[in-house]
All heavy atoms as atom14 arrays in JSON, in Angstrom:
{
  "sequence": "AFASRKAVPAGQLRRLPAGVTTRQAAVAEPLAVAIHAVGRAGSLAGKD",
  "atom14_mask": [
    [1, 1, 1, 1, 1, 0, 0, 0, 0, 0, 0, 0, 0, 0],
    [1, 1, 1, 1, 1, 1, 1, 1, 1, 1, 1, 0, 0, 0],
    [1, 1, 1, 1, 1, 0, 0, 0, 0, 0, 0, 0, 0, 0],
    [1, 1, 1, 1, 1, 1, 0, 0, 0, 0, 0, 0, 0, 0],
    [1, 1, 1, 1, 1, 1, 1, 1, 1, 1, 1, 0, 0, 0],
    [1, 1, 1, 1, 1, 1, 1, 1, 1, 0, 0, 0, 0, 0],
    [1, 1, 1, 1, 1, 0, 0, 0, 0, 0, 0, 0, 0, 0],
    [1, 1, 1, 1, 1, 1, 1, 0, 0, 0, 0, 0, 0, 0],
    [1, 1, 1, 1, 1, 1, 1, 0, 0, 0, 0, 0, 0, 0],
    [1, 1, 1, 1, 1, 0, 0, 0, 0, 0, 0, 0, 0, 0],
    [1, 1, 1, 1, 0, 0, 0, 0, 0, 0, 0, 0, 0, 0],
    [1, 1, 1, 1, 1, 1, 1, 1, 1, 0, 0, 0, 0, 0],
    [1, 1, 1, 1, 1, 1, 1, 1, 0, 0, 0, 0, 0, 0],
    [1, 1, 1, 1, 1, 1, 1, 1, 1, 1, 1, 0, 0, 0],
    [1, 1, 1, 1, 1, 1, 1, 1, 1, 1, 1, 0, 0, 0],
    [1, 1, 1, 1, 1, 1, 1, 1, 0, 0, 0, 0, 0, 0],
    [1, 1, 1, 1, 1, 1, 1, 0, 0, 0, 0, 0, 0, 0],
    [1, 1, 1, 1, 1, 0, 0, 0, 0, 0, 0, 0, 0, 0],
    [1, 1, 1, 1, 0, 0, 0, 0, 0, 0, 0, 0, 0, 0],
    [1, 1, 1, 1, 1, 1, 1, 0, 0, 0, 0, 0, 0, 0],
    [1, 1, 1, 1, 1, 1, 1, 0, 0, 0, 0, 0, 0, 0],
    [1, 1, 1, 1, 1, 1, 1, 0, 0, 0, 0, 0, 0, 0],
    [1, 1, 1, 1, 1, 1, 1, 1, 1, 1, 1, 0, 0, 0],
    [1, 1, 1, 1, 1, 1, 1, 1, 1, 0, 0, 0, 0, 0],
    [1, 1, 1, 1, 1, 0, 0, 0, 0, 0, 0, 0, 0, 0],
    [1, 1, 1, 1, 1, 0, 0, 0, 0, 0, 0, 0, 0, 0],
    [1, 1, 1, 1, 1, 1, 1, 0, 0, 0, 0, 0, 0, 0],
    [1, 1, 1, 1, 1, 0, 0, 0, 0, 0, 0, 0, 0, 0],
    [1, 1, 1, 1, 1, 1, 1, 1, 1, 0, 0, 0, 0, 0],
    [1, 1, 1, 1, 1, 1, 1, 0, 0, 0, 0, 0, 0, 0],
    [1, 1, 1, 1, 1, 1, 1, 1, 0, 0, 0, 0, 0, 0],
    [1, 1, 1, 1, 1, 0, 0, 0, 0, 0, 0, 0, 0, 0],
    [1, 1, 1, 1, 1, 1, 1, 0, 0, 0, 0, 0, 0, 0],
    [1, 1, 1, 1, 1, 0, 0, 0, 0, 0, 0, 0, 0, 0],
    [1, 1, 1, 1, 1, 1, 1, 1, 0, 0, 0, 0, 0, 0],
    [1, 1, 1, 1, 1, 1, 1, 1, 1, 1, 0, 0, 0, 0],
    [1, 1, 1, 1, 1, 0, 0, 0, 0, 0, 0, 0, 0, 0],
    [1, 1, 1, 1, 1, 1, 1, 0, 0, 0, 0, 0, 0, 0],
    [1, 1, 1, 1, 0, 0, 0, 0, 0, 0, 0, 0, 0, 0],
    [1, 1, 1, 1, 1, 1, 1, 1, 1, 1, 1, 0, 0, 0],
    [1, 1, 1, 1, 1, 0, 0, 0, 0, 0, 0, 0, 0, 0],
    [1, 1, 1, 1, 0, 0, 0, 0, 0, 0, 0, 0, 0, 0],
    [1, 1, 1, 1, 1, 1, 0, 0, 0, 0, 0, 0, 0, 0],
    [1, 1, 1, 1, 1, 1, 1, 1, 0, 0, 0, 0, 0, 0],
    [1, 1, 1, 1, 1, 0, 0, 0, 0, 0, 0, 0, 0, 0],
    [1, 1, 1, 1, 0, 0, 0, 0, 0, 0, 0, 0, 0, 0],
    [1, 1, 1, 1, 1, 1, 1, 1, 1, 0, 0, 0, 0, 0],
    [1, 1, 1, 1, 1, 1, 1, 1, 0, 0, 0, 0, 0, 0]
  ],
  "atom14_positions": [
    [[0.79, -1.22, -0.01], [0.01, 0.03, 0.03], [0.88, 1.27, 0.04], [0.31, 2.34, 0.12], [-0.88, -0.05, 1.2], [0.0, 0.0, 0.0], [0.0, 0.0, 0.0], [0.0, 0.0, 0.0], [0.0, 0.0, 0.0], [0.0, 0.0, 0.0], [0.0, 0.0, 0.0], [0.0, 0.0, 0.0], [0.0, 0.0, 0.0], [0.0, 0.0, 0.0]],
    [[2.21, 1.12, -0.14], [2.95, 2.37, -0.11], [2.95, 2.98, -1.5], [3.98, 2.87, -2.23], [4.35, 1.97, 0.34], [5.27, 3.1, 0.76], [4.79, 4.02, 1.65], [6.43, 3.38, 0.22], [5.55, 5.07, 2.12], [7.26, 4.49, 0.49], [6.82, 5.32, 1.49], [0.0, 0.0, 0.0], [0.0, 0.0, 0.0], [0.0, 0.0, 0.0]],
    [[1.76, 3.48, -1.9], [1.5, 3.94, -3.26], [0.5, 5.11, -3.06], [-0.13, 5.18, -2.08], [1.04, 2.95, -4.19], [0.0, 0.0, 0.0], [0.0, 0.0, 0.0], [0.0, 0.0, 0.0], [0.0, 0.0, 0.0], [0.0, 0.0, 0.0], [0.0, 0.0, 0.0], [0.0, 0.0, 0.0], [0.0, 0.0, 0.0], [0.0, 0.0, 0.0]],
    [[0.48, 6.04, -4.13], [-0.48, 7.04, -4.03], [-1.89, 6.69, -4.31], [-2.84, 7.25, -3.89], [-0.09, 8.12, -5.1], [-0.05, 7.67, -6.43], [0.0, 0.0, 0.0], [0.0, 0.0, 0.0], [0.0, 0.0, 0.0], [0.0, 0.0, 0.0], [0.0, 0.0, 0.0], [0.0, 0.0, 0.0], [0.0, 0.0, 0.0], [0.0, 0.0, 0.0]],
    [[-1.95, 5.47, -5.06], [-3.37, 4.9, -5.32], [-3.12, 3.36, -5.34], [-2.19, 2.8, -5.71], [-3.92, 5.29, -6.75], [-4.33, 6.72, -6.68], [-4.79, 7.07, -8.1], [-5.1, 8.47, -8.17], [-6.33, 8.92, -8.29], [-7.38, 8.12, -8.47], [-6.53, 10.22, -8.29], [0.0, 0.0, 0.0], [0.0, 0.0, 0.0], [0.0, 0.0, 0.0]],
    [[-4.18, 2.67, -4.78], [-4.24, 1.23, -4.78], [-5.68, 0.79, -4.89], [-6.55, 1.16, -4.19], [-3.57, 0.65, -3.51], [-3.55, -0.84, -3.55], [-2.56, -1.38, -2.64], [-2.48, -2.88, -2.74], [-2.01, -3.48, -3.91], [0.0, 0.0, 0.0], [0.0, 0.0, 0.0], [0.0, 0.0, 0.0], [0.0, 0.0, 0.0], [0.0, 0.0, 0.0]],
    [[-5.87, -0.24, -5.85], [-7.17, -0.82, -5.98], [-7.26, -1.88, -4.83], [-6.46, -2.77, -4.75], [-7.38, -1.51, -7.29], [0.0, 0.0, 0.0], [0.0, 0.0, 0.0], [0.0, 0.0, 0.0], [0.0, 0.0, 0.0], [0.0, 0.0, 0.0], [0.0, 0.0, 0.0], [0.0, 0.0, 0.0], [0.0, 0.0, 0.0], [0.0, 0.0, 0.0]],
    [[-8.3, -1.92, -4.08], [-8.52, -2.73, -2.91], [-9.87, -3.42, -3.01], [-10.86, -2.67, -3.16], [-8.3, -2.05, -1.63], [-8.59, -2.97, -0.38], [-6.91, -1.44, -1.51], [0.0, 0.0, 0.0], [0.0, 0.0, 0.0], [0.0, 0.0, 0.0], [0.0, 0.0, 0.0], [0.0, 0.0, 0.0], [0.0, 0.0, 0.0], [0.0, 0.0, 0.0]],
    [[-10.09, -4.68, -2.81], [-11.41, -5.23, -2.72], [-12.17, -4.64, -1.55], [-11.7, -4.32, -0.51], [-11.13, -6.72, -2.54], [-9.83, -6.98, -2.97], [-9.07, -5.71, -2.68], [0.0, 0.0, 0.0], [0.0, 0.0, 0.0], [0.0, 0.0, 0.0], [0.0, 0.0, 0.0], [0.0, 0.0, 0.0], [0.0, 0.0, 0.0], [0.0, 0.0, 0.0]],
    [[-13.42, -4.39, -1.9], [-14.28, -3.57, -0.88], [-14.38, -4.31, 0.47], [-14.49, -3.72, 1.47], [-15.64, -3.41, -1.48], [0.0, 0.0, 0.0], [0.0, 0.0, 0.0], [0.0, 0.0, 0.0], [0.0, 0.0, 0.0], [0.0, 0.0, 0.0], [0.0, 0.0, 0.0], [0.0, 0.0, 0.0], [0.0, 0.0, 0.0], [0.0, 0.0, 0.0]],
    [[-14.3, -5.68, 0.46], [-14.32, -6.43, 1.7], [-13.22, -6.23, 2.62], [-13.24, -6.61, 3.8], [0.0, 0.0, 0.0], [0.0, 0.0, 0.0], [0.0, 0.0, 0.0], [0.0, 0.0, 0.0], [0.0, 0.0, 0.0], [0.0, 0.0, 0.0], [0.0, 0.0, 0.0], [0.0, 0.0, 0.0], [0.0, 0.0, 0.0], [0.0, 0.0, 0.0]],
    [[-12.15, -5.67, 2.17], [-10.9, -5.3, 2.9], [-10.89, -3.98, 3.51], [-10.08, -3.56, 4.24], [-9.75, -5.52, 2.13], [-9.47, -7.06, 1.93], [-8.22, -7.22, 1.08], [-8.21, -7.65, -0.07], [-6.99, -6.99, 1.66], [0.0, 0.0, 0.0], [0.0, 0.0, 0.0], [0.0, 0.0, 0.0], [0.0, 0.0, 0.0], [0.0, 0.0, 0.0]],
    [[-11.92, -3.18, 3.17], [-12.01, -1.73, 3.64], [-12.8, -1.59, 4.83], [-13.77, -2.34, 5.07], [-12.74, -0.83, 2.56], [-11.94, -0.71, 1.18], [-12.85, 0.05, 0.24], [-10.54, -0.13, 1.33], [0.0, 0.0, 0.0], [0.0, 0.0, 0.0], [0.0, 0.0, 0.0], [0.0, 0.0, 0.0], [0.0, 0.0, 0.0], [0.0, 0.0, 0.0]],
    [[-12.32, -0.8, 5.81], [-13.02, -0.52, 7.0], [-13.16, 1.0, 7.19], [-12.26, 1.72, 7.09], [-12.21, -1.0, 8.3], [-11.74, -2.49, 8.23], [-12.98, -3.36, 8.3], [-12.59, -4.82, 8.31], [-12.35, -5.64, 7.39], [-12.68, -5.2, 6.12], [-12.0, -6.88, 7.46], [0.0, 0.0, 0.0], [0.0, 0.0, 0.0], [0.0, 0.0, 0.0]],
    [[-14.43, 1.48, 7.33], [-14.74, 2.88, 7.53], [-14.0, 3.43, 8.7], [-13.95, 2.77, 9.7], [-16.11, 3.16, 7.59], [-16.81, 3.1, 6.26], [-18.3, 3.47, 6.57], [-18.99, 3.3, 5.22], [-19.38, 2.21, 4.75], [-19.15, 1.13, 5.39], [-19.92, 2.04, 3.56], [0.0, 0.0, 0.0], [0.0, 0.0, 0.0], [0.0, 0.0, 0.0]],
    [[-13.52, 4.66, 8.68], [-12.99, 5.32, 9.84], [-13.96, 6.01, 10.65], [-14.85, 6.72, 10.13], [-11.87, 6.29, 9.48], [-10.65, 5.71, 8.72], [-9.6, 6.78, 8.53], [-10.04, 4.52, 9.43], [0.0, 0.0, 0.0], [0.0, 0.0, 0.0], [0.0, 0.0, 0.0], [0.0, 0.0, 0.0], [0.0, 0.0, 0.0], [0.0, 0.0, 0.0]],
    [[-13.95, 5.77, 12.01], [-14.89, 6.55, 12.94], [-14.53, 8.1, 12.83], [-13.36, 8.51, 12.47], [-14.54, 6.07, 14.24], [-13.65, 4.91, 14.09], [-13.08, 4.9, 12.76], [0.0, 0.0, 0.0], [0.0, 0.0, 0.0], [0.0, 0.0, 0.0], [0.0, 0.0, 0.0], [0.0, 0.0, 0.0], [0.0, 0.0, 0.0], [0.0, 0.0, 0.0]],
    [[-15.5, 8.89, 13.13], [-15.28, 10.28, 13.15], [-14.14, 10.68, 14.08], [-14.1, 10.01, 15.2], [-16.6, 11.02, 13.59], [0.0, 0.0, 0.0], [0.0, 0.0, 0.0], [0.0, 0.0, 0.0], [0.0, 0.0, 0.0], [0.0, 0.0, 0.0], [0.0, 0.0, 0.0], [0.0, 0.0, 0.0], [0.0, 0.0, 0.0], [0.0, 0.0, 0.0]],
    [[-13.29, 11.53, 13.76], [-12.14, 11.92, 14.65], [-10.93, 11.15, 14.41], [-9.8, 11.44, 15.09], [0.0, 0.0, 0.0], [0.0, 0.0, 0.0], [0.0, 0.0, 0.0], [0.0, 0.0, 0.0], [0.0, 0.0, 0.0], [0.0, 0.0, 0.0], [0.0, 0.0, 0.0], [0.0, 0.0, 0.0], [0.0, 0.0, 0.0], [0.0, 0.0, 0.0]],
    [[-10.92, 10.05, 13.62], [-9.72, 9.27, 13.34], [-9.24, 9.66, 12.02], [-10.02, 9.56, 11.03], [-10.07, 7.76, 13.42], [-8.77, 6.93, 13.0], [-10.51, 7.31, 14.8], [0.0, 0.0, 0.0], [0.0, 0.0, 0.0], [0.0, 0.0, 0.0], [0.0, 0.0, 0.0], [0.0, 0.0, 0.0], [0.0, 0.0, 0.0], [0.0, 0.0, 0.0]],
    [[-7.92, 10.09, 11.94], [-7.37, 10.49, 10.69], [-6.76, 9.32, 9.83], [-6.65, 8.3, 10.5], [-6.21, 11.43, 10.92], [-5.21, 10.78, 11.48], [-6.7, 12.65, 11.74], [0.0, 0.0, 0.0], [0.0, 0.0, 0.0], [0.0, 0.0, 0.0], [0.0, 0.0, 0.0], [0.0, 0.0, 0.0], [0.0, 0.0, 0.0], [0.0, 0.0, 0.0]],
    [[-6.65, 9.42, 8.49], [-6.07, 8.42, 7.75], [-4.64, 8.1, 8.28], [-4.22, 6.98, 8.28], [-6.05, 8.73, 6.33], [-5.5, 10.01, 6.11], [-7.51, 8.71, 5.82], [0.0, 0.0, 0.0], [0.0, 0.0, 0.0], [0.0, 0.0, 0.0], [0.0, 0.0, 0.0], [0.0, 0.0, 0.0], [0.0, 0.0, 0.0], [0.0, 0.0, 0.0]],
    [[-4.03, 9.17, 8.81], [-2.59, 8.9, 9.34], [-2.64, 8.07, 10.53], [-1.8, 7.07, 10.75], [-1.96, 10.25, 9.63], [-0.54, 10.14, 10.16], [0.01, 11.54, 10.34], [1.44, 11.37, 10.75], [2.44, 12.09, 10.24], [2.18, 13.07, 9.44], [3.59, 11.89, 10.65], [0.0, 0.0, 0.0], [0.0, 0.0, 0.0], [0.0, 0.0, 0.0]],
    [[-3.55, 8.25, 11.43], [-3.79, 7.44, 12.62], [-4.23, 6.06, 12.19], [-3.73, 5.01, 12.73], [-4.8, 8.05, 13.6], [-4.34, 9.26, 14.23], [-5.46, 10.06, 14.89], [-6.61, 9.99, 14.44], [-5.07, 10.8, 16.0], [0.0, 0.0, 0.0], [0.0, 0.0, 0.0], [0.0, 0.0, 0.0], [0.0, 0.0, 0.0], [0.0, 0.0, 0.0]],
    [[-5.06, 5.93, 11.21], [-5.66, 4.64, 10.84], [-4.68, 3.76, 10.22], [-4.78, 2.54, 10.21], [-6.77, 4.84, 9.94], [0.0, 0.0, 0.0], [0.0, 0.0, 0.0], [0.0, 0.0, 0.0], [0.0, 0.0, 0.0], [0.0, 0.0, 0.0], [0.0, 0.0, 0.0], [0.0, 0.0, 0.0], [0.0, 0.0, 0.0], [0.0, 0.0, 0.0]],
    [[-3.6, 4.4, 9.53], [-2.5, 3.59, 8.92], [-1.86, 2.64, 9.85], [-1.25, 1.62, 9.46], [-1.6, 4.43, 8.2], [0.0, 0.0, 0.0], [0.0, 0.0, 0.0], [0.0, 0.0, 0.0], [0.0, 0.0, 0.0], [0.0, 0.0, 0.0], [0.0, 0.0, 0.0], [0.0, 0.0, 0.0], [0.0, 0.0, 0.0], [0.0, 0.0, 0.0]],
    [[-1.92, 2.9, 11.19], [-1.32, 2.07, 12.19], [-2.31, 1.19, 12.93], [-1.95, 0.53, 13.92], [-0.3, 2.74, 13.08], [0.91, 3.41, 12.33], [-1.09, 3.84, 13.94], [0.0, 0.0, 0.0], [0.0, 0.0, 0.0], [0.0, 0.0, 0.0], [0.0, 0.0, 0.0], [0.0, 0.0, 0.0], [0.0, 0.0, 0.0], [0.0, 0.0, 0.0]],
    [[-3.56, 1.21, 12.54], [-4.55, 0.52, 13.26], [-4.33, -1.03, 13.29], [-4.31, -1.59, 14.35], [-5.91, 0.71, 12.55], [0.0, 0.0, 0.0], [0.0, 0.0, 0.0], [0.0, 0.0, 0.0], [0.0, 0.0, 0.0], [0.0, 0.0, 0.0], [0.0, 0.0, 0.0], [0.0, 0.0, 0.0], [0.0, 0.0, 0.0], [0.0, 0.0, 0.0]],
    [[-3.92, -1.64, 12.16], [-3.64, -3.05, 12.11], [-2.38, -3.49, 12.92], [-2.54, -4.38, 13.8], [-3.51, -3.53, 10.64], [-3.48, -5.04, 10.54], [-2.06, -5.58, 10.52], [-1.11, -4.8, 10.3], [-1.86, -6.8, 10.67], [0.0, 0.0, 0.0], [0.0, 0.0, 0.0], [0.0, 0.0, 0.0], [0.0, 0.0, 0.0], [0.0, 0.0, 0.0]],
    [[-1.27, -2.74, 12.78], [-0.14, -3.19, 13.64], [-0.36, -2.87, 15.19], [0.15, -3.61, 15.95], [1.05, -2.31, 13.08], [0.49, -1.23, 12.2], [-0.87, -1.82, 11.77], [0.0, 0.0, 0.0], [0.0, 0.0, 0.0], [0.0, 0.0, 0.0], [0.0, 0.0, 0.0], [0.0, 0.0, 0.0], [0.0, 0.0, 0.0], [0.0, 0.0, 0.0]],
    [[-1.1, -1.82, 15.43], [-1.43, -1.56, 16.81], [-2.34, -2.68, 17.35], [-2.08, -3.17, 18.46], [-2.19, -0.18, 16.97], [-2.58, 0.2, 18.36], [-1.38, 0.24, 19.32], [-3.38, 1.42, 18.41], [0.0, 0.0, 0.0], [0.0, 0.0, 0.0], [0.0, 0.0, 0.0], [0.0, 0.0, 0.0], [0.0, 0.0, 0.0], [0.0, 0.0, 0.0]],
    [[-3.25, -3.15, 16.58], [-4.14, -4.23, 17.08], [-3.24, -5.46, 17.33], [-3.44, -6.23, 18.33], [-5.2, -4.58, 16.01], [0.0, 0.0, 0.0], [0.0, 0.0, 0.0], [0.0, 0.0, 0.0], [0.0, 0.0, 0.0], [0.0, 0.0, 0.0], [0.0, 0.0, 0.0], [0.0, 0.0, 0.0], [0.0, 0.0, 0.0], [0.0, 0.0, 0.0]],
    [[-2.24, -5.76, 16.39], [-1.33, -6.95, 16.54], [-0.64, -6.8, 17.9], [-0.53, -7.79, 18.68], [-0.39, -7.14, 15.42], [0.6, -8.06, 15.67], [-1.22, -7.42, 14.13], [0.0, 0.0, 0.0], [0.0, 0.0, 0.0], [0.0, 0.0, 0.0], [0.0, 0.0, 0.0], [0.0, 0.0, 0.0], [0.0, 0.0, 0.0], [0.0, 0.0, 0.0]],
    [[-0.12, -5.53, 18.18], [0.63, -5.24, 19.4], [-0.16, -5.57, 20.66], [0.22, -6.18, 21.59], [1.26, -3.97, 19.33], [0.0, 0.0, 0.0], [0.0, 0.0, 0.0], [0.0, 0.0, 0.0], [0.0, 0.0, 0.0], [0.0, 0.0, 0.0], [0.0, 0.0, 0.0], [0.0, 0.0, 0.0], [0.0, 0.0, 0.0], [0.0, 0.0, 0.0]],
    [[-1.39, -4.91, 20.65], [-2.2, -5.01, 21.81], [-2.66, -6.45, 22.04], [-2.7, -6.95, 23.14], [-3.44, -4.17, 21.66], [-3.01, -2.67, 21.71], [-4.5, -4.36, 22.65], [-4.08, -1.66, 21.34], [0.0, 0.0, 0.0], [0.0, 0.0, 0.0], [0.0, 0.0, 0.0], [0.0, 0.0, 0.0], [0.0, 0.0, 0.0], [0.0, 0.0, 0.0]],
    [[-2.95, -7.17, 20.91], [-3.33, -8.59, 21.06], [-2.22, -9.36, 21.64], [-2.43, -10.19, 22.68], [-3.67, -9.17, 19.75], [-4.06, -10.51, 19.76], [-5.26, -11.09, 20.27], [-3.39, -11.69, 19.31], [-5.25, -12.37, 20.21], [-4.17, -12.77, 19.55], [0.0, 0.0, 0.0], [0.0, 0.0, 0.0], [0.0, 0.0, 0.0], [0.0, 0.0, 0.0]],
    [[-0.93, -9.14, 21.21], [0.17, -9.89, 21.7], [0.42, -9.71, 23.26], [0.58, -10.56, 23.95], [1.43, -9.47, 20.93], [0.0, 0.0, 0.0], [0.0, 0.0, 0.0], [0.0, 0.0, 0.0], [0.0, 0.0, 0.0], [0.0, 0.0, 0.0], [0.0, 0.0, 0.0], [0.0, 0.0, 0.0], [0.0, 0.0, 0.0], [0.0, 0.0, 0.0]],
    [[0.31, -8.39, 23.61], [0.39, -8.06, 25.12], [-0.63, -8.77, 25.88], [-0.4, -9.22, 26.96], [0.47, -6.5, 25.32], [0.39, -6.11, 26.76], [1.82, -6.02, 24.65], [0.0, 0.0, 0.0], [0.0, 0.0, 0.0], [0.0, 0.0, 0.0], [0.0, 0.0, 0.0], [0.0, 0.0, 0.0], [0.0, 0.0, 0.0], [0.0, 0.0, 0.0]],
    [[-1.86, -8.63, 25.32], [-2.98, -9.25, 26.09], [-2.85, -10.81, 26.21], [-3.17, -11.34, 27.36], [0.0, 0.0, 0.0], [0.0, 0.0, 0.0], [0.0, 0.0, 0.0], [0.0, 0.0, 0.0], [0.0, 0.0, 0.0], [0.0, 0.0, 0.0], [0.0, 0.0, 0.0], [0.0, 0.0, 0.0], [0.0, 0.0, 0.0], [0.0, 0.0, 0.0]],
    [[-2.27, -11.42, 25.19], [-1.94, -12.82, 25.28], [-0.87, -13.26, 26.25], [-0.78, -14.28, 26.85], [-1.61, -13.43, 23.95], [-2.69, -13.29, 22.82], [-3.38, -14.47, 22.44], [-2.8, -15.74, 22.78], [-2.85, -16.81, 21.98], [-3.61, -16.87, 20.96], [-2.34, -17.92, 22.4], [0.0, 0.0, 0.0], [0.0, 0.0, 0.0], [0.0, 0.0, 0.0]],
    [[0.05, -12.3, 26.42], [1.23, -12.57, 27.25], [0.83, -12.43, 28.83], [1.48, -12.99, 29.7], [2.26, -11.48, 27.13], [0.0, 0.0, 0.0], [0.0, 0.0, 0.0], [0.0, 0.0, 0.0], [0.0, 0.0, 0.0], [0.0, 0.0, 0.0], [0.0, 0.0, 0.0], [0.0, 0.0, 0.0], [0.0, 0.0, 0.0], [0.0, 0.0, 0.0]],
    [[-0.29, -11.9, 29.17], [-0.73, -11.8, 30.53], [0.02, -10.59, 31.21], [0.54, -9.72, 30.54], [0.0, 0.0, 0.0], [0.0, 0.0, 0.0], [0.0, 0.0, 0.0], [0.0, 0.0, 0.0], [0.0, 0.0, 0.0], [0.0, 0.0, 0.0], [0.0, 0.0, 0.0], [0.0, 0.0, 0.0], [0.0, 0.0, 0.0], [0.0, 0.0, 0.0]],
    [[0.02, -10.62, 32.46], [0.54, -9.46, 33.21], [2.11, -9.32, 32.95], [2.82, -10.35, 33.12], [0.37, -9.48, 34.71], [1.07, -8.47, 35.4], [0.0, 0.0, 0.0], [0.0, 0.0, 0.0], [0.0, 0.0, 0.0], [0.0, 0.0, 0.0], [0.0, 0.0, 0.0], [0.0, 0.0, 0.0], [0.0, 0.0, 0.0], [0.0, 0.0, 0.0]],
    [[2.51, -8.16, 32.54], [3.93, -7.86, 32.32], [4.59, -7.19, 33.43], [5.7, -6.8, 33.43], [4.18, -7.18, 31.01], [3.61, -7.93, 29.72], [3.8, -7.0, 28.51], [4.31, -9.22, 29.57], [0.0, 0.0, 0.0], [0.0, 0.0, 0.0], [0.0, 0.0, 0.0], [0.0, 0.0, 0.0], [0.0, 0.0, 0.0], [0.0, 0.0, 0.0]],
    [[3.77, -6.85, 34.44], [4.33, -6.03, 35.65], [5.61, -6.62, 36.25], [5.54, -7.89, 36.59], [3.26, -5.88, 36.69], [0.0, 0.0, 0.0], [0.0, 0.0, 0.0], [0.0, 0.0, 0.0], [0.0, 0.0, 0.0], [0.0, 0.0, 0.0], [0.0, 0.0, 0.0], [0.0, 0.0, 0.0], [0.0, 0.0, 0.0], [0.0, 0.0, 0.0]],
    [[6.63, -5.94, 36.27], [7.85, -6.35, 36.83], [8.57, -7.4, 36.02], [9.67, -7.94, 36.49], [0.0, 0.0, 0.0], [0.0, 0.0, 0.0], [0.0, 0.0, 0.0], [0.0, 0.0, 0.0], [0.0, 0.0, 0.0], [0.0, 0.0, 0.0], [0.0, 0.0, 0.0], [0.0, 0.0, 0.0], [0.0, 0.0, 0.0], [0.0, 0.0, 0.0]],
    [[8.24, -7.61, 34.85], [8.89, -8.63, 33.92], [9.75, -7.81, 32.9], [9.47, -6.8, 32.45], [7.85, -9.48, 33.29], [7.08, -10.31, 34.13], [6.12, -11.17, 33.41], [5.36, -12.14, 34.42], [4.37, -12.91, 33.66], [0.0, 0.0, 0.0], [0.0, 0.0, 0.0], [0.0, 0.0, 0.0], [0.0, 0.0, 0.0], [0.0, 0.0, 0.0]],
    [[10.85, -8.46, 32.5], [11.56, -8.0, 31.32], [10.9, -8.55, 29.99], [10.33, -9.7, 30.06], [13.04, -8.62, 31.35], [13.82, -8.08, 32.45], [13.56, -6.92, 32.95], [14.77, -8.73, 33.07], [0.0, 0.0, 0.0], [0.0, 0.0, 0.0], [0.0, 0.0, 0.0], [0.0, 0.0, 0.0], [0.0, 0.0, 0.0], [0.0, 0.0, 0.0]]
  ]
}
């Protein structure tokens, strides 16, 4: 997607909620991966 235009199947598109910029939304998927991983790890308090 590092292009000025890209054809994408409609099923892969997700509308942005009001107040979320496209710049913020570009990291939505990697942020979800990170949050999911931390959630799966359990409590990280006091851990390396």
